[in-house]
């Protein structure tokens, strides 16, 4: 299992969540799970998406980059993204 973790700065939480609900999922069909985390003050967000294989995670990157560019227009800030191999899951 592989994970993409993205940090979304700014206090545009409601706007971002609404955009994500309505965004095209084209290119993201293979996602195995997604978490959208919001800090209590609603000043920043983090997303975690899970993929069965590294290849499927990499294949989804163009679609993810498209969505991140749209979110950057909303926030005015770059989105930080990192990739991880899931070492353990309970």
C-alpha atoms as a PDB file:
ATOM      1  CA  UNK A   1       0.000   0.000   0.000  1.00  0.00           C
ATOM      2  CA  UNK A   2       1.214   3.522  -0.835  1.00  0.00           C
ATOM      3  CA  UNK A   3       0.071   6.897   0.435  1.00  0.00           C
ATOM      4  CA  UNK A   4       0.109  10.435  -0.909  1.00  0.00           C
ATOM      5  CA  UNK A   5       0.042  13.045   1.869  1.00  0.00           C
ATOM      6  CA  UNK A   6      -0.756  16.629   0.912  1.00  0.00           C
ATOM      7  CA  UNK A   7      -0.730  19.689   3.150  1.00  0.00           C
ATOM      8  CA  UNK A   8      -3.124  22.464   2.172  1.00  0.00           C
ATOM      9  CA  UNK A   9      -2.479  25.782   3.948  1.00  0.00           C
ATOM     10  CA  UNK A  10      -4.911  28.619   4.408  1.00  0.00           C
ATOM     11  CA  UNK A  11      -8.294  29.068   6.013  1.00  0.00           C
ATOM     12  CA  UNK A  12     -10.416  28.181   2.973  1.00  0.00           C
ATOM     13  CA  UNK A  13     -11.534  24.841   4.412  1.00  0.00           C
ATOM     14  CA  UNK A  14     -15.235  24.977   3.468  1.00  0.00           C
ATOM     15  CA  UNK A  15     -14.445  26.197  -0.040  1.00  0.00           C
ATOM     16  CA  UNK A  16     -11.830  23.473  -0.532  1.00  0.00           C
ATOM     17  CA  UNK A  17     -14.104  20.697   0.754  1.00  0.00           C
ATOM     18  CA  UNK A  18     -16.875  21.860  -1.561  1.00  0.00           C
ATOM     19  CA  UNK A  19     -14.447  21.936  -4.492  1.00  0.00           C
ATOM     20  CA  UNK A  20     -13.179  18.426  -3.690  1.00  0.00           C
ATOM     21  CA  UNK A  21     -16.755  17.089  -3.541  1.00  0.00           C
ATOM     22  CA  UNK A  22     -17.446  18.468  -7.023  1.00  0.00           C
ATOM     23  CA  UNK A  23     -14.045  17.816  -8.636  1.00  0.00           C
ATOM     24  CA  UNK A  24     -13.741  15.252 -11.405  1.00  0.00           C
ATOM     25  CA  UNK A  25     -12.344  11.953 -10.157  1.00  0.00           C
ATOM     26  CA  UNK A  26     -11.053  11.057 -13.600  1.00  0.00           C
ATOM     27  CA  UNK A  27      -7.641   9.433 -13.152  1.00  0.00           C
ATOM     28  CA  UNK A  28      -8.311   8.673  -9.480  1.00  0.00           C
ATOM     29  CA  UNK A  29     -10.498   5.585  -9.948  1.00  0.00           C
ATOM     30  CA  UNK A  30      -7.920   3.265  -8.362  1.00  0.00           C
ATOM     31  CA  UNK A  31      -7.805   5.073  -4.997  1.00  0.00           C
ATOM     32  CA  UNK A  32      -8.280   2.626  -2.106  1.00  0.00           C
ATOM     33  CA  UNK A  33      -9.116   5.230   0.512  1.00  0.00           C
ATOM     34  CA  UNK A  34      -9.009   8.946   1.193  1.00  0.00           C
ATOM     35  CA  UNK A  35      -8.922  10.979   4.383  1.00  0.00           C
ATOM     36  CA  UNK A  36      -9.471  14.738   4.606  1.00  0.00           C
ATOM     37  CA  UNK A  37      -8.156  16.139   7.871  1.00  0.00           C
ATOM     38  CA  UNK A  38      -8.892  19.645   9.165  1.00  0.00           C
ATOM     39  CA  UNK A  39      -7.281  21.296  12.178  1.00  0.00           C
ATOM     40  CA  UNK A  40      -9.678  22.493  14.885  1.00  0.00           C
ATOM     41  CA  UNK A  41      -9.176  26.173  14.012  1.00  0.00           C
ATOM     42  CA  UNK A  42      -9.917  25.420  10.340  1.00  0.00           C
ATOM     43  CA  UNK A  43      -6.680  27.097   9.260  1.00  0.00           C
ATOM     44  CA  UNK A  44      -5.196  24.186   7.351  1.00  0.00           C
ATOM     45  CA  UNK A  45      -5.963  20.773   5.920  1.00  0.00           C
ATOM     46  CA  UNK A  46      -4.205  17.550   5.106  1.00  0.00           C
ATOM     47  CA  UNK A  47      -5.273  14.841   2.687  1.00  0.00           C
ATOM     48  CA  UNK A  48      -4.137  11.232   2.720  1.00  0.00           C
ATOM     49  CA  UNK A  49      -4.939   9.059  -0.279  1.00  0.00           C
ATOM     50  CA  UNK A  50      -4.131   5.352  -0.387  1.00  0.00           C
ATOM     51  CA  UNK A  51      -3.167   3.215  -3.368  1.00  0.00           C
ATOM     52  CA  UNK A  52      -2.735  -0.527  -3.707  1.00  0.00           C
ATOM     53  CA  UNK A  53       0.555  -0.246  -5.644  1.00  0.00           C
ATOM     54  CA  UNK A  54       3.245   2.331  -6.291  1.00  0.00           C
ATOM     55  CA  UNK A  55       2.401   2.186 -10.000  1.00  0.00           C
ATOM     56  CA  UNK A  56      -1.263   3.058  -9.367  1.00  0.00           C
ATOM     57  CA  UNK A  57      -0.226   5.948  -7.107  1.00  0.00           C
ATOM     58  CA  UNK A  58       2.152   7.246  -9.789  1.00  0.00           C
ATOM     59  CA  UNK A  59      -0.483   6.841 -12.528  1.00  0.00           C
ATOM     60  CA  UNK A  60      -2.858   9.062 -10.531  1.00  0.00           C
ATOM     61  CA  UNK A  61      -0.326  11.877 -10.164  1.00  0.00           C
ATOM     62  CA  UNK A  62      -1.442  13.907 -13.234  1.00  0.00           C
ATOM     63  CA  UNK A  63      -5.030  13.948 -11.936  1.00  0.00           C
ATOM     64  CA  UNK A  64      -3.857  14.880  -8.441  1.00  0.00           C
ATOM     65  CA  UNK A  65      -1.679  17.690  -9.807  1.00  0.00           C
ATOM     66  CA  UNK A  66      -4.671  19.049 -11.735  1.00  0.00           C
ATOM     67  CA  UNK A  67      -6.762  19.159  -8.575  1.00  0.00           C
ATOM     68  CA  UNK A  68      -3.915  20.685  -6.543  1.00  0.00           C
ATOM     69  CA  UNK A  69      -3.508  23.479  -9.106  1.00  0.00           C
ATOM     70  CA  UNK A  70      -7.224  24.244  -8.747  1.00  0.00           C
ATOM     71  CA  UNK A  71      -6.885  24.305  -4.948  1.00  0.00           C
ATOM     72  CA  UNK A  72      -3.829  26.556  -5.156  1.00  0.00           C
ATOM     73  CA  UNK A  73      -5.988  29.088  -7.012  1.00  0.00           C
ATOM     74  CA  UNK A  74      -8.395  29.046  -4.069  1.00  0.00           C
ATOM     75  CA  UNK A  75      -5.777  29.290  -1.306  1.00  0.00           C
ATOM     76  CA  UNK A  76      -3.074  31.322  -3.038  1.00  0.00           C
ATOM     77  CA  UNK A  77      -0.517  28.946  -1.513  1.00  0.00           C
ATOM     78  CA  UNK A  78       1.408  25.963  -2.926  1.00  0.00           C
ATOM     79  CA  UNK A  79       0.348  22.521  -1.779  1.00  0.00           C
ATOM     80  CA  UNK A  80       3.059  20.350  -0.275  1.00  0.00           C
ATOM     81  CA  UNK A  81       2.895  16.695  -1.336  1.00  0.00           C
ATOM     82  CA  UNK A  82       4.891  13.673  -0.201  1.00  0.00           C
ATOM     83  CA  UNK A  83       4.678   9.966  -0.989  1.00  0.00           C
ATOM     84  CA  UNK A  84       5.097   7.099   1.441  1.00  0.00           C
ATOM     85  CA  UNK A  85       5.055   3.327   1.515  1.00  0.00           C
ATOM     86  CA  UNK A  86       2.593   2.214   4.208  1.00  0.00           C
ATOM     87  CA  UNK A  87       4.722   0.204   6.622  1.00  0.00           C
ATOM     88  CA  UNK A  88       1.933  -1.016   8.891  1.00  0.00           C
ATOM     89  CA  UNK A  89      -1.845  -0.910   8.979  1.00  0.00           C
ATOM     90  CA  UNK A  90      -4.144  -2.036  11.786  1.00  0.00           C
END
